[in-house]
Amino acid sequence: MVHSDDVDEAVKTGYKAWNSKGVYDGHFRLKNDEGGYRIFHSHAVPVYDENGNFQHYQGYNIDVTERKQAEVALRESEKRFKDISLSMADGFWEVDDKGVYTYCSEKVQEVLGYSVNEIIGKTPFDLMLQEEAEKIAQIFKELLEKKKPIKDLEITKAVDCRD
C-alpha cells in the first residue's frame, strides 16, 4: 500500500509510463508487514511479444530507506557545516593526503587574497615562491616527524597564481 502522501505521484508516474508504454521509475513509501512505511525505488520496463505488441510490465521494488535517510542526514550535515563556515571570522581549508586543497571557506579570500576557485586543486606550496616553499617544506617535515600541530606559521612570500 502506497503512503497517502505519495499516491498522487505514484499514480501520475504510473499513468505516464502506461500511456507511453515507457519505463516506470519512482520512489514511494510503501507499507510494510509491521504497519510502518519504508521507501522503495520502483522500476519497471515494458515487455513486448515477438510482434512488438505490448504485453505487460516487468520490474522490481528495492528498499532504499537507509540510503534515503543517509542522504537526508548528509544534506543536513552539509548545511550545518556551511552555516558554521560562513559564520566564522577566520577562513579554513581542507587538504587531501597529498596536500592538495579540496575545500576552503569563502573567508579564505579575505585572509589569503585568492578566490575559492583559485585555491582548490592547488597545494600551499603552489601559492609560495620557490625559496619560501623550500623553507616551509622543511618546517612541515619537522612538524610531521614530531607529530606536532602546525601553529603560528607565517608565509611571507606568495605568488600570484591568477595567470
N, C-alpha and C. Protein backbone atom coordinates (compact mmCIF):
# COMPACT_ATOMS: atom_id res chain seq x y z
N MET A 1 0.84 -1.17 0.00
CA MET A 1 0.00 0.00 0.00
C MET A 1 0.89 1.24 0.00
N VAL A 2 0.63 2.15 -0.90
CA VAL A 2 1.40 3.38 -1.04
C VAL A 2 0.94 4.37 0.02
N HIS A 3 1.91 5.09 0.61
CA HIS A 3 1.62 6.12 1.61
C HIS A 3 0.68 7.16 0.99
N SER A 4 -0.27 7.64 1.77
CA SER A 4 -1.28 8.57 1.24
C SER A 4 -0.66 9.84 0.63
N ASP A 5 0.47 10.29 1.18
CA ASP A 5 1.13 11.49 0.63
C ASP A 5 1.82 11.21 -0.71
N ASP A 6 2.03 9.94 -1.03
CA ASP A 6 2.75 9.59 -2.26
C ASP A 6 1.83 9.05 -3.36
N VAL A 7 0.54 8.87 -3.05
CA VAL A 7 -0.39 8.25 -4.01
C VAL A 7 -0.47 9.05 -5.30
N ASP A 8 -0.65 10.36 -5.21
CA ASP A 8 -0.80 11.16 -6.44
C ASP A 8 0.40 11.02 -7.34
N GLU A 9 1.60 11.11 -6.77
CA GLU A 9 2.83 10.99 -7.57
C GLU A 9 2.97 9.59 -8.15
N ALA A 10 2.63 8.57 -7.38
CA ALA A 10 2.71 7.19 -7.87
C ALA A 10 1.75 6.97 -9.04
N VAL A 11 0.54 7.49 -8.90
CA VAL A 11 -0.47 7.35 -9.97
C VAL A 11 -0.01 8.11 -11.22
N LYS A 12 0.47 9.32 -11.02
CA LYS A 12 0.93 10.13 -12.15
C LYS A 12 2.09 9.43 -12.87
N THR A 13 3.04 8.89 -12.12
CA THR A 13 4.17 8.18 -12.71
C THR A 13 3.69 6.94 -13.46
N GLY A 14 2.78 6.20 -12.85
CA GLY A 14 2.24 5.01 -13.49
C GLY A 14 1.45 5.34 -14.74
N TYR A 15 0.62 6.36 -14.68
CA TYR A 15 -0.20 6.77 -15.81
C TYR A 15 0.68 7.19 -16.98
N LYS A 16 1.71 7.97 -16.69
CA LYS A 16 2.62 8.44 -17.73
C LYS A 16 3.33 7.25 -18.39
N ALA A 17 3.83 6.33 -17.59
CA ALA A 17 4.51 5.15 -18.14
C ALA A 17 3.55 4.30 -18.95
N TRP A 18 2.36 4.06 -18.42
CA TRP A 18 1.38 3.20 -19.10
C TRP A 18 0.97 3.79 -20.45
N ASN A 19 0.68 5.08 -20.47
CA ASN A 19 0.23 5.71 -21.72
C ASN A 19 1.33 5.81 -22.78
N SER A 20 2.56 5.88 -22.36
CA SER A 20 3.65 5.96 -23.33
C SER A 20 4.30 4.60 -23.56
N LYS A 21 3.87 3.61 -22.80
CA LYS A 21 4.50 2.28 -22.80
C LYS A 21 5.99 2.42 -22.53
N GLY A 22 6.31 3.40 -21.68
CA GLY A 22 7.70 3.68 -21.33
C GLY A 22 8.06 3.10 -19.98
N VAL A 23 9.23 3.44 -19.52
CA VAL A 23 9.75 2.94 -18.25
C VAL A 23 9.02 3.61 -17.09
N TYR A 24 8.71 2.82 -16.09
CA TYR A 24 8.11 3.29 -14.85
C TYR A 24 9.25 3.39 -13.84
N ASP A 25 9.43 4.59 -13.24
CA ASP A 25 10.53 4.75 -12.30
C ASP A 25 10.15 5.81 -11.27
N GLY A 26 10.23 5.45 -10.00
CA GLY A 26 9.90 6.41 -8.96
C GLY A 26 10.30 5.91 -7.58
N HIS A 27 10.23 6.81 -6.62
CA HIS A 27 10.48 6.50 -5.21
C HIS A 27 9.21 6.78 -4.42
N PHE A 28 8.75 5.77 -3.71
CA PHE A 28 7.49 5.89 -2.96
C PHE A 28 7.62 5.15 -1.64
N ARG A 29 6.83 5.62 -0.67
CA ARG A 29 6.77 4.93 0.61
C ARG A 29 5.67 3.86 0.52
N LEU A 30 6.06 2.66 0.87
CA LEU A 30 5.12 1.53 0.86
C LEU A 30 5.02 0.97 2.27
N LYS A 31 3.81 0.55 2.63
CA LYS A 31 3.57 -0.02 3.97
C LYS A 31 4.19 -1.41 4.04
N ASN A 32 4.90 -1.67 5.15
CA ASN A 32 5.49 -2.99 5.33
C ASN A 32 4.59 -3.86 6.22
N ASP A 33 5.01 -5.08 6.47
CA ASP A 33 4.21 -6.03 7.25
C ASP A 33 3.94 -5.58 8.68
N GLU A 34 4.83 -4.75 9.23
CA GLU A 34 4.67 -4.28 10.60
C GLU A 34 3.78 -3.05 10.69
N GLY A 35 3.33 -2.54 9.54
CA GLY A 35 2.46 -1.37 9.53
C GLY A 35 3.18 -0.05 9.36
N GLY A 36 4.51 -0.09 9.34
CA GLY A 36 5.30 1.12 9.12
C GLY A 36 5.54 1.31 7.63
N TYR A 37 6.18 2.39 7.29
CA TYR A 37 6.46 2.68 5.89
C TYR A 37 7.95 2.65 5.63
N ARG A 38 8.30 2.12 4.48
CA ARG A 38 9.68 2.08 4.00
C ARG A 38 9.70 2.76 2.63
N ILE A 39 10.84 3.31 2.25
CA ILE A 39 10.97 3.98 0.95
C ILE A 39 11.50 2.96 -0.06
N PHE A 40 10.79 2.85 -1.19
CA PHE A 40 11.18 1.91 -2.23
C PHE A 40 11.44 2.62 -3.54
N HIS A 41 12.44 2.12 -4.24
CA HIS A 41 12.68 2.55 -5.62
C HIS A 41 11.93 1.53 -6.48
N SER A 42 10.91 2.00 -7.17
CA SER A 42 10.10 1.14 -8.05
C SER A 42 10.53 1.38 -9.49
N HIS A 43 10.84 0.30 -10.17
CA HIS A 43 11.31 0.42 -11.55
C HIS A 43 10.69 -0.73 -12.36
N ALA A 44 10.13 -0.39 -13.50
CA ALA A 44 9.53 -1.42 -14.36
C ALA A 44 9.72 -1.01 -15.82
N VAL A 45 9.89 -2.01 -16.65
CA VAL A 45 10.05 -1.78 -18.09
C VAL A 45 8.96 -2.55 -18.83
N PRO A 46 8.54 -2.02 -19.98
CA PRO A 46 7.52 -2.73 -20.76
C PRO A 46 8.11 -3.97 -21.42
N VAL A 47 7.29 -5.01 -21.51
CA VAL A 47 7.69 -6.25 -22.18
C VAL A 47 6.79 -6.41 -23.40
N TYR A 48 7.41 -6.71 -24.55
CA TYR A 48 6.68 -6.84 -25.81
C TYR A 48 6.81 -8.27 -26.33
N ASP A 49 5.82 -8.69 -27.11
CA ASP A 49 5.90 -10.01 -27.75
C ASP A 49 6.75 -9.91 -29.01
N GLU A 50 6.90 -11.03 -29.71
CA GLU A 50 7.75 -11.08 -30.90
C GLU A 50 7.24 -10.18 -32.04
N ASN A 51 5.98 -9.78 -31.98
CA ASN A 51 5.41 -8.88 -33.00
C ASN A 51 5.47 -7.41 -32.58
N GLY A 52 6.07 -7.15 -31.43
CA GLY A 52 6.19 -5.77 -30.98
C GLY A 52 4.98 -5.25 -30.23
N ASN A 53 4.06 -6.17 -29.87
CA ASN A 53 2.88 -5.75 -29.12
C ASN A 53 3.18 -5.75 -27.61
N PHE A 54 2.75 -4.69 -26.97
CA PHE A 54 2.95 -4.58 -25.53
C PHE A 54 2.21 -5.70 -24.82
N GLN A 55 2.90 -6.35 -23.87
CA GLN A 55 2.31 -7.44 -23.10
C GLN A 55 2.05 -7.07 -21.65
N HIS A 56 3.08 -6.59 -20.98
CA HIS A 56 2.97 -6.24 -19.57
C HIS A 56 4.24 -5.51 -19.11
N TYR A 57 4.25 -5.15 -17.85
CA TYR A 57 5.44 -4.55 -17.25
C TYR A 57 6.15 -5.58 -16.39
N GLN A 58 7.46 -5.48 -16.36
CA GLN A 58 8.25 -6.34 -15.50
C GLN A 58 9.22 -5.43 -14.75
N GLY A 59 9.30 -5.59 -13.44
CA GLY A 59 10.16 -4.69 -12.69
C GLY A 59 10.43 -5.17 -11.28
N TYR A 60 10.81 -4.24 -10.46
CA TYR A 60 11.19 -4.56 -9.09
C TYR A 60 10.95 -3.37 -8.17
N ASN A 61 10.90 -3.67 -6.89
CA ASN A 61 10.88 -2.67 -5.83
C ASN A 61 12.08 -2.96 -4.94
N ILE A 62 12.93 -1.96 -4.73
CA ILE A 62 14.09 -2.12 -3.86
C ILE A 62 13.92 -1.17 -2.68
N ASP A 63 14.10 -1.71 -1.48
CA ASP A 63 14.01 -0.90 -0.27
C ASP A 63 15.25 -0.01 -0.20
N VAL A 64 15.04 1.30 -0.28
CA VAL A 64 16.15 2.27 -0.24
C VAL A 64 16.02 3.20 0.97
N THR A 65 15.30 2.75 1.98
CA THR A 65 15.04 3.58 3.16
C THR A 65 16.33 4.09 3.80
N GLU A 66 17.27 3.18 4.08
CA GLU A 66 18.51 3.59 4.75
C GLU A 66 19.29 4.57 3.88
N ARG A 67 19.35 4.32 2.58
CA ARG A 67 20.07 5.23 1.69
C ARG A 67 19.43 6.61 1.69
N LYS A 68 18.10 6.66 1.61
CA LYS A 68 17.40 7.95 1.62
C LYS A 68 17.60 8.67 2.95
N GLN A 69 17.58 7.93 4.05
CA GLN A 69 17.82 8.54 5.36
C GLN A 69 19.25 9.08 5.45
N ALA A 70 20.20 8.34 4.89
CA ALA A 70 21.60 8.79 4.88
C ALA A 70 21.75 10.05 4.02
N GLU A 71 21.04 10.12 2.90
CA GLU A 71 21.09 11.30 2.04
C GLU A 71 20.55 12.53 2.77
N VAL A 72 19.46 12.36 3.51
CA VAL A 72 18.88 13.47 4.28
C VAL A 72 19.87 13.91 5.37
N ALA A 73 20.45 12.94 6.08
CA ALA A 73 21.42 13.26 7.14
C ALA A 73 22.64 13.98 6.55
N LEU A 74 23.09 13.55 5.39
CA LEU A 74 24.24 14.19 4.75
C LEU A 74 23.91 15.63 4.35
N ARG A 75 22.73 15.85 3.77
CA ARG A 75 22.33 17.22 3.39
C ARG A 75 22.25 18.12 4.62
N GLU A 76 21.69 17.59 5.72
CA GLU A 76 21.60 18.38 6.96
C GLU A 76 22.98 18.69 7.51
N SER A 77 23.88 17.71 7.47
CA SER A 77 25.24 17.90 7.94
C SER A 77 25.97 18.93 7.09
N GLU A 78 25.81 18.84 5.77
CA GLU A 78 26.44 19.81 4.87
C GLU A 78 25.92 21.22 5.13
N LYS A 79 24.63 21.34 5.39
CA LYS A 79 24.05 22.66 5.68
C LYS A 79 24.63 23.21 6.98
N ARG A 80 24.73 22.37 8.02
CA ARG A 80 25.31 22.82 9.29
C ARG A 80 26.76 23.26 9.09
N PHE A 81 27.51 22.46 8.34
CA PHE A 81 28.91 22.77 8.06
C PHE A 81 29.02 24.11 7.33
N LYS A 82 28.19 24.32 6.32
CA LYS A 82 28.22 25.57 5.57
C LYS A 82 27.84 26.74 6.47
N ASP A 83 26.80 26.57 7.29
CA ASP A 83 26.39 27.64 8.21
C ASP A 83 27.52 28.01 9.16
N ILE A 84 28.21 27.01 9.69
CA ILE A 84 29.32 27.26 10.62
C ILE A 84 30.44 27.97 9.89
N SER A 85 30.79 27.49 8.68
CA SER A 85 31.91 28.08 7.96
C SER A 85 31.62 29.53 7.58
N LEU A 86 30.37 29.85 7.27
CA LEU A 86 30.03 31.23 6.91
C LEU A 86 30.02 32.16 8.12
N SER A 87 29.78 31.59 9.29
CA SER A 87 29.70 32.44 10.49
C SER A 87 31.06 32.64 11.16
N MET A 88 32.07 31.89 10.74
CA MET A 88 33.39 32.01 11.35
C MET A 88 34.09 33.28 10.89
N ALA A 89 34.85 33.87 11.78
CA ALA A 89 35.60 35.09 11.45
C ALA A 89 36.82 34.75 10.60
N ASP A 90 37.41 33.59 10.81
CA ASP A 90 38.61 33.18 10.08
C ASP A 90 38.26 32.24 8.94
N GLY A 91 39.15 32.17 8.00
CA GLY A 91 38.99 31.20 6.92
C GLY A 91 39.56 29.86 7.34
N PHE A 92 39.10 28.81 6.72
CA PHE A 92 39.68 27.49 6.98
C PHE A 92 39.60 26.67 5.71
N TRP A 93 40.42 25.64 5.66
CA TRP A 93 40.50 24.81 4.46
C TRP A 93 40.77 23.38 4.84
N GLU A 94 40.69 22.55 3.83
CA GLU A 94 40.92 21.11 4.00
C GLU A 94 41.83 20.68 2.85
N VAL A 95 42.79 19.84 3.16
CA VAL A 95 43.66 19.29 2.13
C VAL A 95 43.59 17.77 2.17
N ASP A 96 43.87 17.14 1.02
CA ASP A 96 43.88 15.68 0.99
C ASP A 96 45.25 15.17 1.46
N ASP A 97 45.46 13.87 1.35
CA ASP A 97 46.70 13.28 1.84
C ASP A 97 47.94 13.70 1.04
N LYS A 98 47.73 14.35 -0.10
CA LYS A 98 48.85 14.85 -0.90
C LYS A 98 49.05 16.35 -0.70
N GLY A 99 48.26 16.94 0.21
CA GLY A 99 48.39 18.36 0.49
C GLY A 99 47.65 19.26 -0.49
N VAL A 100 46.77 18.68 -1.31
CA VAL A 100 46.01 19.45 -2.29
C VAL A 100 44.74 19.96 -1.64
N TYR A 101 44.47 21.25 -1.80
CA TYR A 101 43.25 21.83 -1.25
C TYR A 101 42.03 21.18 -1.90
N THR A 102 41.15 20.63 -1.07
CA THR A 102 39.90 20.04 -1.55
C THR A 102 38.69 20.87 -1.14
N TYR A 103 38.89 21.73 -0.16
CA TYR A 103 37.82 22.61 0.30
C TYR A 103 38.47 23.84 0.94
N CYS A 104 37.82 24.97 0.78
CA CYS A 104 38.19 26.14 1.57
C CYS A 104 36.95 27.01 1.70
N SER A 105 36.86 27.65 2.85
CA SER A 105 35.73 28.53 3.10
C SER A 105 35.92 29.83 2.31
N GLU A 106 34.83 30.52 2.09
CA GLU A 106 34.91 31.76 1.32
C GLU A 106 35.70 32.84 2.07
N LYS A 107 35.82 32.71 3.38
CA LYS A 107 36.59 33.66 4.16
C LYS A 107 38.08 33.60 3.82
N VAL A 108 38.53 32.51 3.22
CA VAL A 108 39.93 32.37 2.86
C VAL A 108 40.35 33.49 1.91
N GLN A 109 39.43 33.95 1.08
CA GLN A 109 39.75 35.04 0.15
C GLN A 109 40.18 36.29 0.93
N GLU A 110 39.49 36.56 2.03
CA GLU A 110 39.86 37.72 2.84
C GLU A 110 41.24 37.53 3.48
N VAL A 111 41.57 36.29 3.85
CA VAL A 111 42.82 36.01 4.52
C VAL A 111 43.98 35.93 3.53
N LEU A 112 43.79 35.15 2.45
CA LEU A 112 44.88 34.91 1.51
C LEU A 112 44.84 35.76 0.25
N GLY A 113 43.67 36.29 -0.06
CA GLY A 113 43.55 37.10 -1.26
C GLY A 113 43.24 36.30 -2.52
N TYR A 114 43.06 35.01 -2.39
CA TYR A 114 42.72 34.15 -3.53
C TYR A 114 41.26 33.73 -3.41
N SER A 115 40.59 33.57 -4.55
CA SER A 115 39.22 33.06 -4.52
C SER A 115 39.25 31.56 -4.26
N VAL A 116 38.11 31.01 -3.90
CA VAL A 116 37.99 29.58 -3.67
C VAL A 116 38.46 28.81 -4.90
N ASN A 117 38.02 29.22 -6.09
CA ASN A 117 38.38 28.52 -7.34
C ASN A 117 39.87 28.59 -7.63
N GLU A 118 40.54 29.64 -7.18
CA GLU A 118 41.98 29.76 -7.39
C GLU A 118 42.77 28.84 -6.46
N ILE A 119 42.15 28.43 -5.36
CA ILE A 119 42.85 27.61 -4.37
C ILE A 119 42.60 26.12 -4.57
N ILE A 120 41.36 25.75 -4.83
CA ILE A 120 41.02 24.33 -4.95
C ILE A 120 41.87 23.68 -6.04
N GLY A 121 42.45 22.52 -5.71
CA GLY A 121 43.28 21.79 -6.67
C GLY A 121 44.75 22.14 -6.59
N LYS A 122 45.10 23.12 -5.78
CA LYS A 122 46.49 23.51 -5.60
C LYS A 122 46.97 23.05 -4.23
N THR A 123 48.27 23.12 -4.02
CA THR A 123 48.85 22.86 -2.70
C THR A 123 49.27 24.20 -2.12
N PRO A 124 49.52 24.27 -0.82
CA PRO A 124 50.02 25.52 -0.25
C PRO A 124 51.33 25.96 -0.94
N PHE A 125 52.13 24.98 -1.35
CA PHE A 125 53.41 25.30 -1.98
C PHE A 125 53.22 25.95 -3.35
N ASP A 126 52.10 25.66 -4.02
CA ASP A 126 51.81 26.31 -5.30
C ASP A 126 51.59 27.81 -5.12
N LEU A 127 51.27 28.23 -3.92
CA LEU A 127 50.97 29.63 -3.64
C LEU A 127 52.20 30.38 -3.10
N MET A 128 53.34 29.70 -3.05
CA MET A 128 54.55 30.31 -2.49
C MET A 128 55.63 30.44 -3.56
N LEU A 129 56.51 31.41 -3.35
CA LEU A 129 57.70 31.49 -4.17
C LEU A 129 58.59 30.29 -3.84
N GLN A 130 59.43 29.89 -4.76
CA GLN A 130 60.25 28.68 -4.60
C GLN A 130 61.04 28.68 -3.29
N GLU A 131 61.74 29.77 -2.98
CA GLU A 131 62.56 29.79 -1.77
C GLU A 131 61.70 29.68 -0.51
N GLU A 132 60.53 30.29 -0.53
CA GLU A 132 59.61 30.19 0.61
C GLU A 132 59.08 28.76 0.72
N ALA A 133 58.75 28.15 -0.41
CA ALA A 133 58.23 26.78 -0.42
C ALA A 133 59.25 25.81 0.17
N GLU A 134 60.52 25.99 -0.16
CA GLU A 134 61.58 25.12 0.38
C GLU A 134 61.70 25.29 1.89
N LYS A 135 61.65 26.52 2.35
CA LYS A 135 61.75 26.81 3.79
C LYS A 135 60.55 26.19 4.54
N ILE A 136 59.35 26.40 4.02
CA ILE A 136 58.14 25.89 4.67
C ILE A 136 58.09 24.37 4.61
N ALA A 137 58.54 23.78 3.51
CA ALA A 137 58.57 22.31 3.39
C ALA A 137 59.42 21.70 4.50
N GLN A 138 60.54 22.33 4.81
CA GLN A 138 61.42 21.84 5.88
C GLN A 138 60.72 21.95 7.24
N ILE A 139 60.02 23.04 7.46
CA ILE A 139 59.27 23.22 8.72
C ILE A 139 58.18 22.16 8.82
N PHE A 140 57.43 21.94 7.74
CA PHE A 140 56.38 20.92 7.72
C PHE A 140 56.96 19.55 8.04
N LYS A 141 58.09 19.23 7.42
CA LYS A 141 58.72 17.93 7.62
C LYS A 141 59.04 17.71 9.09
N GLU A 142 59.64 18.72 9.71
CA GLU A 142 59.99 18.61 11.13
C GLU A 142 58.76 18.46 12.01
N LEU A 143 57.72 19.23 11.71
CA LEU A 143 56.48 19.14 12.50
C LEU A 143 55.83 17.77 12.36
N LEU A 144 55.81 17.25 11.14
CA LEU A 144 55.20 15.94 10.90
C LEU A 144 55.99 14.83 11.60
N GLU A 145 57.33 14.91 11.54
CA GLU A 145 58.16 13.90 12.19
C GLU A 145 57.93 13.89 13.69
N LYS A 146 57.71 15.07 14.26
CA LYS A 146 57.49 15.17 15.71
C LYS A 146 56.01 15.08 16.07
N LYS A 147 55.17 14.93 15.03
CA LYS A 147 53.71 14.84 15.21
C LYS A 147 53.17 16.04 15.99
N LYS A 148 53.66 17.20 15.60
CA LYS A 148 53.21 18.44 16.23
C LYS A 148 52.26 19.17 15.29
N PRO A 149 51.35 19.95 15.86
CA PRO A 149 50.43 20.71 15.00
C PRO A 149 51.14 21.89 14.33
N ILE A 150 50.59 22.29 13.20
CA ILE A 150 51.09 23.48 12.52
C ILE A 150 50.46 24.66 13.23
N LYS A 151 51.29 25.51 13.82
CA LYS A 151 50.77 26.59 14.65
C LYS A 151 51.63 27.84 14.43
N ASP A 152 50.95 28.96 14.29
CA ASP A 152 51.63 30.25 14.14
C ASP A 152 52.64 30.25 12.99
N LEU A 153 52.31 29.59 11.90
CA LEU A 153 53.19 29.54 10.75
C LEU A 153 52.87 30.72 9.83
N GLU A 154 53.86 31.48 9.51
CA GLU A 154 53.66 32.65 8.67
C GLU A 154 54.38 32.46 7.34
N ILE A 155 53.65 32.66 6.27
CA ILE A 155 54.22 32.59 4.94
C ILE A 155 54.31 34.02 4.43
N THR A 156 55.52 34.43 4.08
CA THR A 156 55.72 35.84 3.75
C THR A 156 55.86 36.12 2.26
N LYS A 157 56.17 35.11 1.47
CA LYS A 157 56.39 35.34 0.04
C LYS A 157 55.47 34.44 -0.77
N ALA A 158 54.46 35.05 -1.36
CA ALA A 158 53.48 34.29 -2.14
C ALA A 158 53.54 34.70 -3.60
N VAL A 159 53.04 33.84 -4.45
CA VAL A 159 52.99 34.12 -5.88
C VAL A 159 51.57 34.53 -6.26
N ASP A 160 51.45 35.15 -7.40
CA ASP A 160 50.14 35.46 -7.95
C ASP A 160 49.80 34.33 -8.91
N CYS A 161 48.87 33.46 -8.50
CA CYS A 161 48.54 32.29 -9.33
C CYS A 161 47.36 32.55 -10.25
N ARG A 162 47.10 33.78 -10.54
CA ARG A 162 45.92 34.13 -11.35
C ARG A 162 46.24 34.27 -12.83
N ASP A 163 47.33 33.68 -13.31
CA ASP A 163 47.66 33.84 -14.73
C ASP A 163 46.76 33.09 -15.63
